[in-house]
Amino acid sequence: VLDFEHEDEVLARANATEFGLAGGVFTADLARAHRVVDRLEAGTLWINTYNLCPVEIPFGGSKQSGFGRENSAAALEHFSELKTVYVSTGKVDAPY
């Protein structure tokens, strides 16, 4: 925990790291909390709590803190590849 004078100062300090797994903001001012987490470079952020990871929300980092997301549909999408197949059941006019 480090003190700070201005939001820009603490945001610059937090974002200067090469890592970005998670972070938390504790404040009574929810508008400020949302403004700060919007500018923080981390994959998972909490406001007025920390390290809660229910299985239905994505968890993962940014920068050098990994790639992809664990938990939720986001994890399934990471390990899946979408393929589209269109099948026409009508008569084929072109001979092959």
C-alpha atoms as a PDB file:
ATOM      1  CA  VAL A   1       0.000   0.000   0.000  1.00  0.00           C
ATOM      2  CA  LEU A   2       1.430   3.334  -1.089  1.00  0.00           C
ATOM      3  CA  ASP A   3      -0.014   6.783  -0.504  1.00  0.00           C
ATOM      4  CA  PHE A   4      -0.523   9.284  -3.312  1.00  0.00           C
ATOM      5  CA  GLU A   5      -1.610  12.864  -3.920  1.00  0.00           C
ATOM      6  CA  HIS A   6      -3.367  12.584  -7.300  1.00  0.00           C
ATOM      7  CA  GLU A   7      -5.022   9.808  -9.304  1.00  0.00           C
ATOM      8  CA  ASP A   8      -2.694  10.359 -12.266  1.00  0.00           C
ATOM      9  CA  GLU A   9       0.301   9.692 -10.020  1.00  0.00           C
ATOM     10  CA  VAL A  10      -0.995   6.386  -8.685  1.00  0.00           C
ATOM     11  CA  LEU A  11      -2.210   5.271 -12.120  1.00  0.00           C
ATOM     12  CA  ALA A  12       1.188   5.990 -13.675  1.00  0.00           C
ATOM     13  CA  ARG A  13       2.900   4.050 -10.887  1.00  0.00           C
ATOM     14  CA  ALA A  14       0.546   1.082 -11.148  1.00  0.00           C
ATOM     15  CA  ASN A  15       0.634   0.921 -14.956  1.00  0.00           C
ATOM     16  CA  ALA A  16       4.444   1.245 -15.143  1.00  0.00           C
ATOM     17  CA  THR A  17       4.889  -2.407 -14.195  1.00  0.00           C
ATOM     18  CA  GLU A  18       5.317  -5.058 -16.872  1.00  0.00           C
ATOM     19  CA  PHE A  19       2.667  -7.162 -15.165  1.00  0.00           C
ATOM     20  CA  GLY A  20      -1.095  -6.773 -15.021  1.00  0.00           C
ATOM     21  CA  LEU A  21      -2.799  -9.745 -13.427  1.00  0.00           C
ATOM     22  CA  ALA A  22      -5.145  -8.026 -11.001  1.00  0.00           C
ATOM     23  CA  GLY A  23      -5.724  -4.983  -8.867  1.00  0.00           C
ATOM     24  CA  GLY A  24      -8.113  -3.518  -6.379  1.00  0.00           C
ATOM     25  CA  VAL A  25      -9.461  -0.079  -5.564  1.00  0.00           C
ATOM     26  CA  PHE A  26     -10.892   0.734  -2.145  1.00  0.00           C
ATOM     27  CA  THR A  27     -12.846   3.970  -1.823  1.00  0.00           C
ATOM     28  CA  ALA A  28     -16.216   5.302  -0.711  1.00  0.00           C
ATOM     29  CA  ASP A  29     -16.456   7.248  -3.997  1.00  0.00           C
ATOM     30  CA  LEU A  30     -17.794   4.742  -6.549  1.00  0.00           C
ATOM     31  CA  ALA A  31     -17.536   7.214  -9.435  1.00  0.00           C
ATOM     32  CA  ARG A  32     -13.840   7.578  -8.647  1.00  0.00           C
ATOM     33  CA  ALA A  33     -13.428   3.811  -8.348  1.00  0.00           C
ATOM     34  CA  HIS A  34     -14.909   3.227 -11.803  1.00  0.00           C
ATOM     35  CA  ARG A  35     -12.830   6.037 -13.276  1.00  0.00           C
ATOM     36  CA  VAL A  36      -9.633   4.535 -11.831  1.00  0.00           C
ATOM     37  CA  VAL A  37     -10.295   0.893 -12.773  1.00  0.00           C
ATOM     38  CA  ASP A  38     -11.102   2.043 -16.304  1.00  0.00           C
ATOM     39  CA  ARG A  39      -7.549   3.383 -16.566  1.00  0.00           C
ATOM     40  CA  LEU A  40      -5.732   0.558 -14.758  1.00  0.00           C
ATOM     41  CA  GLU A  41      -3.947  -1.914 -17.052  1.00  0.00           C
ATOM     42  CA  ALA A  42      -4.905  -5.219 -15.436  1.00  0.00           C
ATOM     43  CA  GLY A  43      -6.982  -8.177 -16.494  1.00  0.00           C
ATOM     44  CA  THR A  44      -9.084  -8.440 -13.338  1.00  0.00           C
ATOM     45  CA  LEU A  45     -10.058  -5.579 -11.065  1.00  0.00           C
ATOM     46  CA  TRP A  46     -12.074  -5.404  -7.872  1.00  0.00           C
ATOM     47  CA  ILE A  47     -13.754  -2.448  -6.210  1.00  0.00           C
ATOM     48  CA  ASN A  48     -14.015  -2.498  -2.396  1.00  0.00           C
ATOM     49  CA  THR A  49     -13.141  -6.199  -2.239  1.00  0.00           C
ATOM     50  CA  TYR A  50     -10.284  -8.383  -3.431  1.00  0.00           C
ATOM     51  CA  ASN A  51      -9.559 -11.852  -4.801  1.00  0.00           C
ATOM     52  CA  LEU A  52     -13.126 -13.031  -5.270  1.00  0.00           C
ATOM     53  CA  CYS A  53     -13.210 -15.324  -8.306  1.00  0.00           C
ATOM     54  CA  PRO A  54     -16.559 -17.006  -8.847  1.00  0.00           C
ATOM     55  CA  VAL A  55     -16.420 -19.555 -11.661  1.00  0.00           C
ATOM     56  CA  GLU A  56     -18.883 -17.603 -13.810  1.00  0.00           C
ATOM     57  CA  ILE A  57     -16.631 -14.545 -14.267  1.00  0.00           C
ATOM     58  CA  PRO A  58     -13.484 -14.502 -16.409  1.00  0.00           C
ATOM     59  CA  PHE A  59     -10.141 -14.267 -14.595  1.00  0.00           C
ATOM     60  CA  GLY A  60      -6.827 -13.501 -16.232  1.00  0.00           C
ATOM     61  CA  GLY A  61      -4.129 -10.925 -16.741  1.00  0.00           C
ATOM     62  CA  SER A  62      -2.690  -8.555 -19.265  1.00  0.00           C
ATOM     63  CA  LYS A  63       0.855  -7.612 -20.284  1.00  0.00           C
ATOM     64  CA  GLN A  64       3.320 -10.256 -18.960  1.00  0.00           C
ATOM     65  CA  SER A  65       0.690 -11.779 -16.682  1.00  0.00           C
ATOM     66  CA  GLY A  66      -0.465 -14.399 -19.113  1.00  0.00           C
ATOM     67  CA  PHE A  67      -2.928 -14.636 -21.914  1.00  0.00           C
ATOM     68  CA  GLY A  68      -6.510 -15.742 -22.163  1.00  0.00           C
ATOM     69  CA  ARG A  69      -8.976 -16.147 -19.350  1.00  0.00           C
ATOM     70  CA  GLU A  70      -9.811 -18.863 -16.873  1.00  0.00           C
ATOM     71  CA  ASN A  71     -13.408 -19.577 -15.855  1.00  0.00           C
ATOM     72  CA  SER A  72     -16.599 -18.618 -17.711  1.00  0.00           C
ATOM     73  CA  ALA A  73     -17.442 -18.855 -21.387  1.00  0.00           C
ATOM     74  CA  ALA A  74     -14.300 -16.812 -22.144  1.00  0.00           C
ATOM     75  CA  ALA A  75     -12.152 -19.823 -21.229  1.00  0.00           C
ATOM     76  CA  LEU A  76     -14.125 -22.068 -23.561  1.00  0.00           C
ATOM     77  CA  GLU A  77     -13.725 -19.552 -26.368  1.00  0.00           C
ATOM     78  CA  HIS A  78      -9.949 -19.475 -25.772  1.00  0.00           C
ATOM     79  CA  PHE A  79      -9.660 -23.227 -26.287  1.00  0.00           C
ATOM     80  CA  SER A  80     -12.139 -23.368 -29.155  1.00  0.00           C
ATOM     81  CA  GLU A  81     -12.105 -22.296 -32.771  1.00  0.00           C
ATOM     82  CA  LEU A  82     -15.275 -21.102 -34.412  1.00  0.00           C
ATOM     83  CA  LYS A  83     -16.044 -22.722 -37.743  1.00  0.00           C
ATOM     84  CA  THR A  84     -19.004 -21.854 -39.934  1.00  0.00           C
ATOM     85  CA  VAL A  85     -20.464 -24.455 -42.291  1.00  0.00           C
ATOM     86  CA  TYR A  86     -23.364 -23.622 -44.605  1.00  0.00           C
ATOM     87  CA  VAL A  87     -25.165 -26.560 -46.215  1.00  0.00           C
ATOM     88  CA  SER A  88     -27.618 -26.050 -49.030  1.00  0.00           C
ATOM     89  CA  THR A  89     -30.078 -28.889 -49.459  1.00  0.00           C
ATOM     90  CA  GLY A  90     -31.417 -27.669 -52.789  1.00  0.00           C
ATOM     91  CA  LYS A  91     -30.497 -28.888 -56.249  1.00  0.00           C
ATOM     92  CA  VAL A  92     -26.941 -28.173 -57.367  1.00  0.00           C
ATOM     93  CA  ASP A  93     -26.899 -26.693 -60.867  1.00  0.00           C
ATOM     94  CA  ALA A  94     -23.137 -26.688 -61.373  1.00  0.00           C
ATOM     95  CA  PRO A  95     -21.623 -30.071 -62.361  1.00  0.00           C
ATOM     96  CA  TYR A  96     -18.513 -31.124 -60.454  1.00  0.00           C
END
